[in-house]
N, C-alpha and C. Protein backbone atom coordinates (compact mmCIF):
# COMPACT_ATOMS: atom_id res chain seq x y z
N MET A 1 24.36 -14.50 11.51
CA MET A 1 23.57 -13.40 10.30
C MET A 1 23.03 -14.71 9.92
N GLU A 2 23.61 -15.96 9.78
CA GLU A 2 22.40 -16.97 8.77
C GLU A 2 20.87 -17.01 9.28
N ALA A 3 21.26 -16.93 10.51
CA ALA A 3 19.40 -17.10 10.97
C ALA A 3 18.48 -15.30 10.53
N SER A 4 19.49 -14.54 10.57
CA SER A 4 18.81 -13.62 9.99
C SER A 4 18.31 -13.81 8.50
N GLU A 5 19.27 -14.28 7.55
CA GLU A 5 19.47 -14.33 6.26
C GLU A 5 17.80 -15.52 6.25
N ARG A 6 18.21 -16.33 6.58
CA ARG A 6 16.66 -17.34 6.58
C ARG A 6 15.04 -17.15 6.85
N ILE A 7 15.70 -15.81 7.96
CA ILE A 7 13.85 -15.29 8.28
C ILE A 7 13.61 -13.97 6.90
N PHE A 8 14.92 -13.51 6.43
CA PHE A 8 14.59 -12.43 5.38
C PHE A 8 14.25 -13.67 4.57
N GLU A 9 15.18 -14.51 3.71
CA GLU A 9 13.80 -15.10 3.03
C GLU A 9 13.21 -15.36 2.61
N ARG A 10 12.11 -16.12 3.51
CA ARG A 10 11.24 -16.03 4.39
C ARG A 10 10.19 -15.04 4.27
N MET A 11 10.91 -14.44 4.94
CA MET A 11 10.02 -13.07 4.88
C MET A 11 9.53 -12.26 3.44
N VAL A 12 10.29 -12.40 2.36
CA VAL A 12 10.24 -12.12 0.96
C VAL A 12 9.46 -13.06 0.11
N LEU A 13 9.78 -14.08 0.68
CA LEU A 13 8.81 -15.41 -0.12
C LEU A 13 7.19 -15.17 0.35
N ASP A 14 7.02 -14.59 1.74
CA ASP A 14 5.91 -14.65 1.79
C ASP A 14 5.33 -13.58 2.02
N HIS A 15 5.80 -12.27 1.75
CA HIS A 15 5.09 -10.46 1.20
C HIS A 15 6.05 -9.86 0.44
N GLN A 16 6.12 -10.43 -0.55
CA GLN A 16 6.50 -9.73 -1.77
C GLN A 16 5.23 -9.28 -2.91
N ASP A 17 4.18 -10.30 -2.89
CA ASP A 17 3.56 -9.98 -3.45
C ASP A 17 2.51 -8.67 -3.02
N ARG A 18 2.43 -9.21 -2.34
CA ARG A 18 1.62 -7.77 -1.05
C ARG A 18 2.54 -6.44 -1.23
N ILE A 19 3.85 -6.38 -0.64
CA ILE A 19 4.48 -5.15 -0.96
C ILE A 19 4.56 -5.00 -2.38
N PHE A 20 4.36 -5.60 -3.33
CA PHE A 20 4.02 -5.19 -5.35
C PHE A 20 3.11 -4.61 -4.92
N ALA A 21 2.22 -5.64 -4.59
CA ALA A 21 0.74 -4.48 -4.87
C ALA A 21 0.53 -3.36 -4.12
N LEU A 22 0.75 -3.25 -2.76
CA LEU A 22 0.80 -2.09 -1.53
C LEU A 22 1.47 -0.61 -2.52
N SER A 23 3.07 -1.10 -3.13
CA SER A 23 3.45 -0.76 -4.21
C SER A 23 2.84 0.35 -5.33
N LEU A 24 2.24 -0.45 -5.68
CA LEU A 24 1.39 -0.48 -6.91
C LEU A 24 0.27 0.54 -6.41
N ALA A 25 -0.15 0.55 -5.58
CA ALA A 25 -1.26 1.05 -5.84
C ALA A 25 -0.69 2.90 -5.24
N LEU A 26 0.08 2.39 -4.27
CA LEU A 26 0.97 4.00 -3.93
C LEU A 26 1.95 4.84 -5.27
N THR A 27 2.10 4.55 -5.72
CA THR A 27 3.19 5.07 -6.97
C THR A 27 2.21 5.27 -8.13
N GLY A 28 1.57 4.40 -8.51
CA GLY A 28 0.58 4.39 -9.98
C GLY A 28 1.61 3.35 -10.66
N ASN A 29 2.25 2.94 -10.68
CA ASN A 29 3.20 2.79 -12.31
C ASN A 29 3.68 1.29 -11.73
N ARG A 30 4.21 0.27 -12.69
CA ARG A 30 4.89 -1.03 -12.61
C ARG A 30 5.89 -0.45 -11.93
N HIS A 31 6.40 0.32 -13.02
CA HIS A 31 7.89 0.47 -13.08
C HIS A 31 8.93 1.04 -11.39
N ASP A 32 7.82 2.39 -11.09
CA ASP A 32 7.96 2.60 -9.77
C ASP A 32 7.89 1.71 -8.43
N ALA A 33 6.93 1.02 -9.03
CA ALA A 33 6.29 0.02 -7.28
C ALA A 33 7.28 -1.64 -8.14
N GLU A 34 8.01 -2.11 -8.23
CA GLU A 34 9.30 -2.67 -8.33
C GLU A 34 10.32 -2.59 -8.03
N ASP A 35 10.26 -0.80 -7.82
CA ASP A 35 11.76 -0.53 -7.57
C ASP A 35 11.18 -0.05 -5.74
N VAL A 36 10.13 0.05 -5.13
CA VAL A 36 10.03 0.70 -4.74
C VAL A 36 9.75 -0.62 -3.92
N ALA A 37 9.35 -1.78 -4.43
CA ALA A 37 9.17 -3.22 -3.42
C ALA A 37 10.68 -3.01 -3.33
N GLN A 38 11.18 -3.82 -4.16
CA GLN A 38 12.66 -3.59 -3.94
C GLN A 38 13.69 -2.73 -3.04
N ASP A 39 13.13 -1.41 -3.07
CA ASP A 39 13.64 -0.75 -2.18
C ASP A 39 13.15 -1.23 -0.37
N THR A 40 12.13 -2.05 -0.43
CA THR A 40 11.42 -1.85 0.38
C THR A 40 12.33 -3.09 1.60
N PHE A 41 12.68 -4.72 0.99
CA PHE A 41 13.45 -5.45 0.83
C PHE A 41 14.84 -5.28 1.72
N LEU A 42 15.27 -4.57 0.62
CA LEU A 42 16.94 -3.83 0.79
C LEU A 42 16.80 -3.35 2.13
N ARG A 43 15.69 -2.40 2.20
CA ARG A 43 16.19 -1.58 3.82
C ARG A 43 15.60 -2.61 5.30
N ALA A 44 14.87 -3.22 4.59
CA ALA A 44 14.03 -4.98 5.78
C ALA A 44 15.52 -5.43 5.97
N TYR A 45 16.09 -5.75 4.58
CA TYR A 45 17.35 -7.06 5.41
C TYR A 45 19.04 -6.09 5.94
N ARG A 46 18.55 -4.67 5.67
CA ARG A 46 19.92 -4.06 6.11
C ARG A 46 19.86 -3.38 8.21
N ALA A 47 18.18 -3.72 7.96
CA ALA A 47 17.33 -3.92 9.93
C ALA A 47 18.02 -5.34 10.18
N LEU A 48 17.08 -6.07 9.48
CA LEU A 48 17.31 -7.12 10.23
C LEU A 48 18.65 -7.60 10.39
N CYS A 49 19.53 -7.30 9.37
CA CYS A 49 20.93 -7.44 9.93
C CYS A 49 21.63 -6.46 11.04
N THR A 50 21.44 -5.78 11.93
CA THR A 50 21.15 -5.07 12.71
C THR A 50 21.01 -5.77 14.26
N TYR A 51 19.23 -6.04 14.34
CA TYR A 51 18.46 -6.35 15.32
C TYR A 51 19.42 -7.31 15.98
N ALA A 52 18.84 -7.45 17.16
CA ALA A 52 18.76 -8.56 17.91
C ALA A 52 18.13 -9.90 17.79
N PRO A 53 17.91 -10.66 18.12
CA PRO A 53 17.56 -11.91 17.94
C PRO A 53 16.55 -11.87 18.10
N ASP A 54 16.43 -11.33 19.49
CA ASP A 54 15.14 -11.04 20.26
C ASP A 54 14.23 -10.80 19.21
N ARG A 55 14.94 -9.43 18.85
CA ARG A 55 14.42 -7.94 18.57
C ARG A 55 12.86 -8.92 17.01
N ILE A 56 14.34 -9.63 16.54
CA ILE A 56 13.23 -10.60 15.01
C ILE A 56 12.46 -11.35 15.72
N ARG A 57 12.74 -11.96 16.45
CA ARG A 57 11.93 -13.14 16.84
C ARG A 57 10.29 -12.15 17.13
N GLU A 58 10.16 -10.99 17.74
CA GLU A 58 8.76 -10.09 17.71
C GLU A 58 8.32 -9.33 17.41
N LEU A 59 8.89 -9.39 16.03
CA LEU A 59 9.07 -8.54 15.25
C LEU A 59 8.05 -9.06 14.29
N LYS A 60 6.32 -7.82 13.98
CA LYS A 60 5.52 -8.29 13.43
C LYS A 60 6.23 -7.75 11.58
N GLN A 61 6.28 -8.30 11.21
CA GLN A 61 6.81 -8.48 10.01
C GLN A 61 5.89 -7.30 9.00
N LYS A 62 4.43 -7.73 8.54
CA LYS A 62 3.70 -7.57 7.61
C LYS A 62 3.14 -5.90 7.91
N PRO A 63 3.28 -5.56 9.73
CA PRO A 63 2.85 -3.87 9.64
C PRO A 63 4.31 -3.48 9.05
N TRP A 64 5.69 -4.16 9.83
CA TRP A 64 7.03 -3.47 9.37
C TRP A 64 7.01 -3.39 8.57
N LEU A 65 7.08 -4.16 7.66
CA LEU A 65 7.01 -4.14 5.89
C LEU A 65 6.18 -3.07 4.84
N ASN A 66 4.73 -2.78 5.53
CA ASN A 66 4.28 -1.54 5.11
C ASN A 66 4.86 -0.86 5.59
N ARG A 67 5.39 -0.54 6.87
CA ARG A 67 6.26 1.22 7.48
C ARG A 67 7.02 1.16 6.20
N ILE A 68 7.81 0.22 6.36
CA ILE A 68 8.81 0.33 5.37
C ILE A 68 9.10 1.31 4.10
N ALA A 69 7.19 0.68 3.37
CA ALA A 69 7.07 0.51 1.91
C ALA A 69 6.67 1.92 1.80
N VAL A 70 5.57 2.79 2.79
CA VAL A 70 4.96 3.71 2.55
C VAL A 70 6.41 4.98 2.73
N ASN A 71 6.85 4.19 3.30
CA ASN A 71 7.97 5.41 3.75
C ASN A 71 9.49 5.61 3.15
N VAL A 72 9.20 4.39 2.08
CA VAL A 72 10.04 4.44 0.10
C VAL A 72 9.03 5.44 -0.81
N VAL A 73 7.73 5.05 -0.33
CA VAL A 73 7.06 6.08 -1.14
C VAL A 73 7.10 7.23 -1.34
N ARG A 74 7.42 7.66 0.05
CA ARG A 74 6.77 8.80 0.20
C ARG A 74 7.75 9.70 0.40
N ASN A 75 9.45 9.47 0.47
CA ASN A 75 10.73 9.97 0.18
C ASN A 75 10.73 9.41 -1.39
N ARG A 76 10.36 8.94 -2.01
CA ARG A 76 9.90 9.34 -3.31
C ARG A 76 9.66 9.70 -4.83
N VAL A 77 8.48 9.83 -3.58
CA VAL A 77 7.66 10.97 -4.43
C VAL A 77 7.68 12.11 -4.19
N ARG A 78 7.85 12.91 -2.85
CA ARG A 78 8.07 14.12 -2.34
C ARG A 78 7.75 14.63 -3.57
N GLY A 79 6.44 15.60 -4.08
CA GLY A 79 5.95 16.71 -4.27
C GLY A 79 5.31 15.88 -5.49
N ILE A 80 5.43 14.92 -6.21
CA ILE A 80 5.25 14.59 -7.91
C ILE A 80 4.07 13.40 -7.13
N ARG A 81 2.67 14.35 -8.10
CA ARG A 81 1.44 13.67 -8.20
C ARG A 81 1.50 12.40 -9.08
N PRO A 82 1.28 11.77 -8.52
CA PRO A 82 0.95 10.40 -9.09
C PRO A 82 -0.39 10.13 -9.80
N ARG A 83 0.71 9.08 -11.47
CA ARG A 83 -0.11 9.40 -12.20
C ARG A 83 -1.66 8.19 -12.25
N LEU A 84 -1.16 7.08 -11.82
CA LEU A 84 -3.04 6.42 -11.98
C LEU A 84 -2.53 5.24 -11.34
N VAL A 85 -3.47 4.95 -10.51
CA VAL A 85 -2.99 3.94 -9.45
C VAL A 85 -3.79 2.73 -9.70
N GLU A 86 -3.64 1.24 -10.51
CA GLU A 86 -3.53 -0.13 -10.72
C GLU A 86 -4.28 -1.07 -9.49
N LEU A 87 -5.88 -0.94 -9.58
CA LEU A 87 -6.41 -1.74 -8.08
C LEU A 87 -7.19 -3.13 -8.63
N ASN A 88 -6.76 -3.65 -9.81
CA ASN A 88 -7.46 -4.51 -10.60
C ASN A 88 -5.91 -5.49 -11.63
N GLY A 89 -5.49 -6.61 -10.03
CA GLY A 89 -4.51 -7.22 -9.64
C GLY A 89 -5.12 -8.58 -9.81
N SER A 90 -6.33 -8.22 -9.74
CA SER A 90 -6.36 -10.01 -10.00
C SER A 90 -7.42 -10.16 -10.94
N GLU A 91 -7.55 -11.48 -11.28
CA GLU A 91 -8.23 -12.29 -12.49
C GLU A 91 -9.36 -11.57 -13.05
N PRO A 92 -10.22 -11.45 -14.21
CA PRO A 92 -10.52 -11.02 -14.48
C PRO A 92 -11.85 -12.32 -14.59
N ASP A 93 -13.49 -11.37 -14.40
CA ASP A 93 -14.65 -12.25 -14.00
C ASP A 93 -14.73 -13.13 -15.38
N ARG A 94 -14.35 -14.29 -15.50
CA ARG A 94 -14.90 -15.25 -16.64
C ARG A 94 -15.75 -15.58 -17.34
N THR A 95 -16.80 -15.16 -16.70
CA THR A 95 -18.64 -15.56 -16.97
C THR A 95 -18.97 -13.92 -17.26
N SER A 96 -18.74 -12.65 -17.42
CA SER A 96 -19.16 -11.90 -18.12
C SER A 96 -18.66 -10.92 -19.29
N GLY A 97 -19.74 -10.70 -20.25
CA GLY A 97 -19.23 -10.37 -21.63
C GLY A 97 -18.41 -9.12 -22.25
N PRO A 98 -18.94 -9.64 -23.01
CA PRO A 98 -17.34 -8.22 -23.32
C PRO A 98 -17.90 -6.56 -22.58
N GLU A 99 -19.36 -6.43 -23.29
CA GLU A 99 -20.09 -5.60 -22.93
C GLU A 99 -19.98 -5.08 -21.60
N GLU A 100 -19.89 -5.97 -20.50
CA GLU A 100 -20.07 -6.08 -18.44
C GLU A 100 -18.56 -6.10 -18.14
N GLU A 101 -17.79 -6.24 -19.00
CA GLU A 101 -15.92 -6.12 -18.84
C GLU A 101 -15.62 -5.43 -19.23
N ALA A 102 -16.17 -4.69 -19.63
CA ALA A 102 -15.89 -2.79 -20.23
C ALA A 102 -16.23 -1.38 -19.64
N LEU A 103 -17.48 -2.42 -18.86
CA LEU A 103 -18.25 -1.32 -17.76
C LEU A 103 -17.24 -1.69 -16.63
N ARG A 104 -16.92 -2.62 -16.01
CA ARG A 104 -16.37 -3.04 -14.93
C ARG A 104 -15.11 -2.12 -14.99
N GLN A 105 -14.18 -2.91 -15.95
CA GLN A 105 -13.25 -1.96 -16.53
C GLN A 105 -12.36 -0.45 -16.18
N ALA A 106 -14.28 0.27 -16.63
CA ALA A 106 -13.92 1.25 -16.73
C ALA A 106 -14.31 2.07 -15.87
N ASP A 107 -15.05 1.54 -14.82
CA ASP A 107 -15.59 1.83 -13.50
C ASP A 107 -14.12 0.82 -12.16
N ILE A 108 -12.89 0.75 -12.53
CA ILE A 108 -12.08 0.27 -12.42
C ILE A 108 -11.27 1.91 -12.30
N ASP A 109 -11.30 1.52 -13.94
CA ASP A 109 -10.15 2.80 -14.07
C ASP A 109 -10.78 4.21 -13.51
N GLU A 110 -12.26 3.88 -13.21
CA GLU A 110 -12.25 5.56 -13.18
C GLU A 110 -11.78 5.71 -11.54
N LEU A 111 -12.23 4.84 -10.36
CA LEU A 111 -11.97 4.53 -9.53
C LEU A 111 -10.38 4.78 -9.07
N ALA A 112 -9.38 4.35 -10.12
CA ALA A 112 -8.21 3.74 -9.75
C ALA A 112 -7.64 5.71 -9.84
N VAL A 113 -8.45 6.58 -11.45
CA VAL A 113 -7.73 7.95 -11.28
C VAL A 113 -7.76 8.58 -9.94
N ARG A 114 -9.34 8.74 -9.18
CA ARG A 114 -10.20 9.17 -8.00
C ARG A 114 -9.14 8.96 -7.44
N VAL A 115 -8.33 7.88 -6.88
CA VAL A 115 -7.68 6.75 -5.62
C VAL A 115 -6.09 7.63 -6.22
N ALA A 116 -5.88 7.92 -7.08
CA ALA A 116 -4.53 8.74 -7.24
C ALA A 116 -4.57 10.22 -7.26
N ALA A 117 -5.96 11.01 -6.90
CA ALA A 117 -5.96 11.88 -7.07
C ALA A 117 -6.10 12.78 -5.68
N LEU A 118 -6.54 11.69 -4.15
CA LEU A 118 -6.82 12.16 -3.03
C LEU A 118 -5.42 12.61 -2.45
N PRO A 119 -5.53 13.27 -1.74
CA PRO A 119 -4.56 13.71 -1.03
C PRO A 119 -3.40 12.54 -0.57
N PRO A 120 -1.88 12.56 -0.24
CA PRO A 120 -1.23 11.68 0.21
C PRO A 120 -1.26 10.85 1.15
N ARG A 121 -1.84 12.06 2.66
CA ARG A 121 -2.37 10.45 3.48
C ARG A 121 -3.45 10.26 3.53
N TYR A 122 -5.05 10.54 2.66
CA TYR A 122 -5.89 10.04 2.29
C TYR A 122 -5.87 8.77 1.53
N ARG A 123 -4.80 8.60 0.91
CA ARG A 123 -4.92 7.63 -0.31
C ARG A 123 -4.16 6.64 0.90
N GLU A 124 -3.23 6.44 1.25
CA GLU A 124 -1.95 6.15 2.11
C GLU A 124 -2.79 5.22 2.94
N ALA A 125 -3.82 5.88 3.18
CA ALA A 125 -4.93 5.06 4.82
C ALA A 125 -5.72 4.31 4.29
N VAL A 126 -6.64 5.20 3.38
CA VAL A 126 -7.30 3.73 1.48
C VAL A 126 -7.09 3.05 1.32
N VAL A 127 -5.87 3.45 0.64
CA VAL A 127 -5.21 1.94 0.08
C VAL A 127 -4.77 0.90 1.09
N LEU A 128 -3.80 1.15 2.32
CA LEU A 128 -4.11 0.25 3.45
C LEU A 128 -5.33 -0.82 3.54
N ARG A 129 -5.81 -0.23 3.60
CA ARG A 129 -7.44 -0.30 4.87
C ARG A 129 -8.21 -1.12 3.93
N HIS A 130 -8.55 -0.93 2.17
CA HIS A 130 -9.20 -0.97 1.78
C HIS A 130 -8.79 -2.07 0.49
N VAL A 131 -7.19 -1.93 -0.31
CA VAL A 131 -6.94 -2.54 -0.79
C VAL A 131 -5.76 -3.31 -0.39
N GLN A 132 -5.39 -3.26 0.74
CA GLN A 132 -4.19 -4.11 1.54
C GLN A 132 -5.63 -5.11 3.01
N ASP A 133 -5.99 -3.78 2.75
CA ASP A 133 -7.35 -4.92 3.22
C ASP A 133 -6.63 -5.20 5.18
N LEU A 134 -5.89 -4.16 5.28
CA LEU A 134 -5.13 -4.35 7.05
C LEU A 134 -6.40 -3.88 7.76
N THR A 135 -6.13 -4.00 8.83
CA THR A 135 -6.59 -3.82 9.93
C THR A 135 -6.65 -1.84 10.39
N TYR A 136 -7.40 -1.47 10.89
CA TYR A 136 -6.75 0.30 11.47
C TYR A 136 -5.35 -0.23 12.26
N ALA A 137 -5.34 -0.70 12.71
CA ALA A 137 -4.12 -1.55 13.37
C ALA A 137 -3.50 -0.88 13.42
N GLU A 138 -3.61 -1.93 11.97
CA GLU A 138 -2.45 -2.77 10.92
C GLU A 138 -1.32 -1.10 10.19
N VAL A 139 -2.52 -0.67 10.22
CA VAL A 139 -2.70 0.96 8.95
C VAL A 139 -2.23 1.32 9.88
N ALA A 140 -2.64 2.00 10.98
CA ALA A 140 -1.68 2.69 11.96
C ALA A 140 0.02 2.55 12.18
N ASP A 141 0.02 1.17 12.23
CA ASP A 141 1.32 0.96 12.59
C ASP A 141 1.98 1.34 11.43
N ALA A 142 1.86 0.71 10.70
CA ALA A 142 2.41 1.02 9.61
C ALA A 142 2.96 2.36 8.51
N LEU A 143 2.19 3.31 9.49
CA LEU A 143 1.73 4.73 9.59
C LEU A 143 2.41 5.52 9.92
N GLY A 144 2.91 4.75 11.12
CA GLY A 144 2.86 5.12 12.40
C GLY A 144 1.99 6.75 13.27
N GLN A 145 0.29 6.29 12.75
CA GLN A 145 0.05 7.08 13.26
C GLN A 145 -0.98 6.82 14.56
N PRO A 146 -1.73 7.74 15.19
CA PRO A 146 -3.17 6.97 16.17
C PRO A 146 -4.03 6.18 14.73
N VAL A 147 -4.30 5.40 16.11
CA VAL A 147 -5.94 4.99 15.16
C VAL A 147 -6.49 5.73 14.98
N GLY A 148 -6.85 6.82 16.01
CA GLY A 148 -7.93 7.40 14.89
C GLY A 148 -7.66 8.47 14.13
N THR A 149 -6.74 9.19 14.11
CA THR A 149 -5.99 9.86 12.67
C THR A 149 -6.66 8.62 11.51
N VAL A 150 -5.74 7.74 11.60
CA VAL A 150 -6.46 6.16 10.83
C VAL A 150 -7.34 6.25 10.19
N LYS A 151 -8.21 6.12 11.07
CA LYS A 151 -9.95 5.81 11.09
C LYS A 151 -10.22 7.35 10.26
N ALA A 152 -10.03 9.02 10.83
CA ALA A 152 -10.64 9.94 10.20
C ALA A 152 -10.06 9.99 8.64
N ASN A 153 -8.87 8.99 8.53
CA ASN A 153 -8.48 9.50 7.10
C ASN A 153 -8.56 8.82 5.91
N VAL A 154 -8.69 7.24 6.94
CA VAL A 154 -10.08 6.61 5.31
C VAL A 154 -11.63 7.23 5.59
N HIS A 155 -12.10 7.76 6.38
CA HIS A 155 -13.02 8.10 6.36
C HIS A 155 -13.43 9.20 5.31
N ARG A 156 -12.39 10.26 5.76
CA ARG A 156 -12.77 11.76 4.61
C ARG A 156 -12.45 11.52 3.30
N GLY A 157 -10.96 10.00 3.07
CA GLY A 157 -10.88 9.56 1.87
C GLY A 157 -11.67 9.16 1.13
N LEU A 158 -12.57 7.69 2.13
CA LEU A 158 -13.68 7.48 1.10
C LEU A 158 -14.48 8.45 0.82
N LYS A 159 -15.59 9.73 2.11
CA LYS A 159 -15.99 10.38 1.43
C LYS A 159 -15.36 11.19 0.09
N LEU A 160 -14.53 11.63 -0.09
CA LEU A 160 -13.75 12.08 -0.94
C LEU A 160 -13.60 11.10 -2.75
N LEU A 161 -13.73 9.78 -2.62
CA LEU A 161 -14.40 9.00 -3.42
C LEU A 161 -15.44 8.95 -4.14
N ARG A 162 -16.29 9.37 -2.84
CA ARG A 162 -17.67 9.16 -3.55
C ARG A 162 -17.54 10.57 -3.87
N GLY A 163 -17.47 11.40 -3.56
CA GLY A 163 -17.75 12.65 -4.18
C GLY A 163 -18.22 13.28 -3.05
N ASP A 164 -18.51 13.16 -1.91
CA ASP A 164 -19.25 13.87 -0.94
C ASP A 164 -18.33 15.04 -0.19
N ASP A 165 -17.53 15.63 -0.94
CA ASP A 165 -16.35 16.34 -0.29
C ASP A 165 -17.58 18.49 -0.31
N TYR A 166 -17.03 17.96 1.78
CA TYR A 166 -17.90 19.17 2.06
C TYR A 166 -16.75 19.96 2.45
N GLY A 167 -15.56 20.57 2.02
CA GLY A 167 -14.80 21.39 2.17
C GLY A 167 -13.56 20.96 3.24
N ASP A 168 -13.95 19.61 4.21
CA ASP A 168 -12.79 19.03 4.99
C ASP A 168 -12.03 18.45 4.96
N ALA A 169 -12.03 18.57 3.40
CA ALA A 169 -10.45 17.92 3.09
C ALA A 169 -9.55 18.85 2.92
N ASP A 170 -7.82 18.59 2.53
CA ASP A 170 -7.37 18.99 2.02
C ASP A 170 -7.70 19.83 0.68
């Protein structure tokens, strides 16, 4: 038990920011993202306590935690449309003037609204692949889908974001 607690503590330190960012991108607001991140780590802790040491050693933490977070979000927001997705968690560019910054922020806000409007399967795939910067294999692992399905959902989601909707999306 003590070993799993040390592993869990390290897991939280290594992954808390990324899990919060993923939760924020999928839920659209900080309050829900905090709840999702906390619930993700609570579920991870409970699972770790039941795992054999061999299973814990072989565990791929990043995709495993992503899968838990995606499932927590899915369970929490069934039937609820996300309000807004914040994608601009990085530091602002200090070299740009106020006009450029306002235009950049408007572009980010518009993109966040468009991401939030995507159907959930496309939004999840696009956020994990292009915001969280996971590989297609890691996204497939996190979503419990084949890699081909993930690639198709990312492709269709990006088409919708670009406005290339030719009727092939839900």
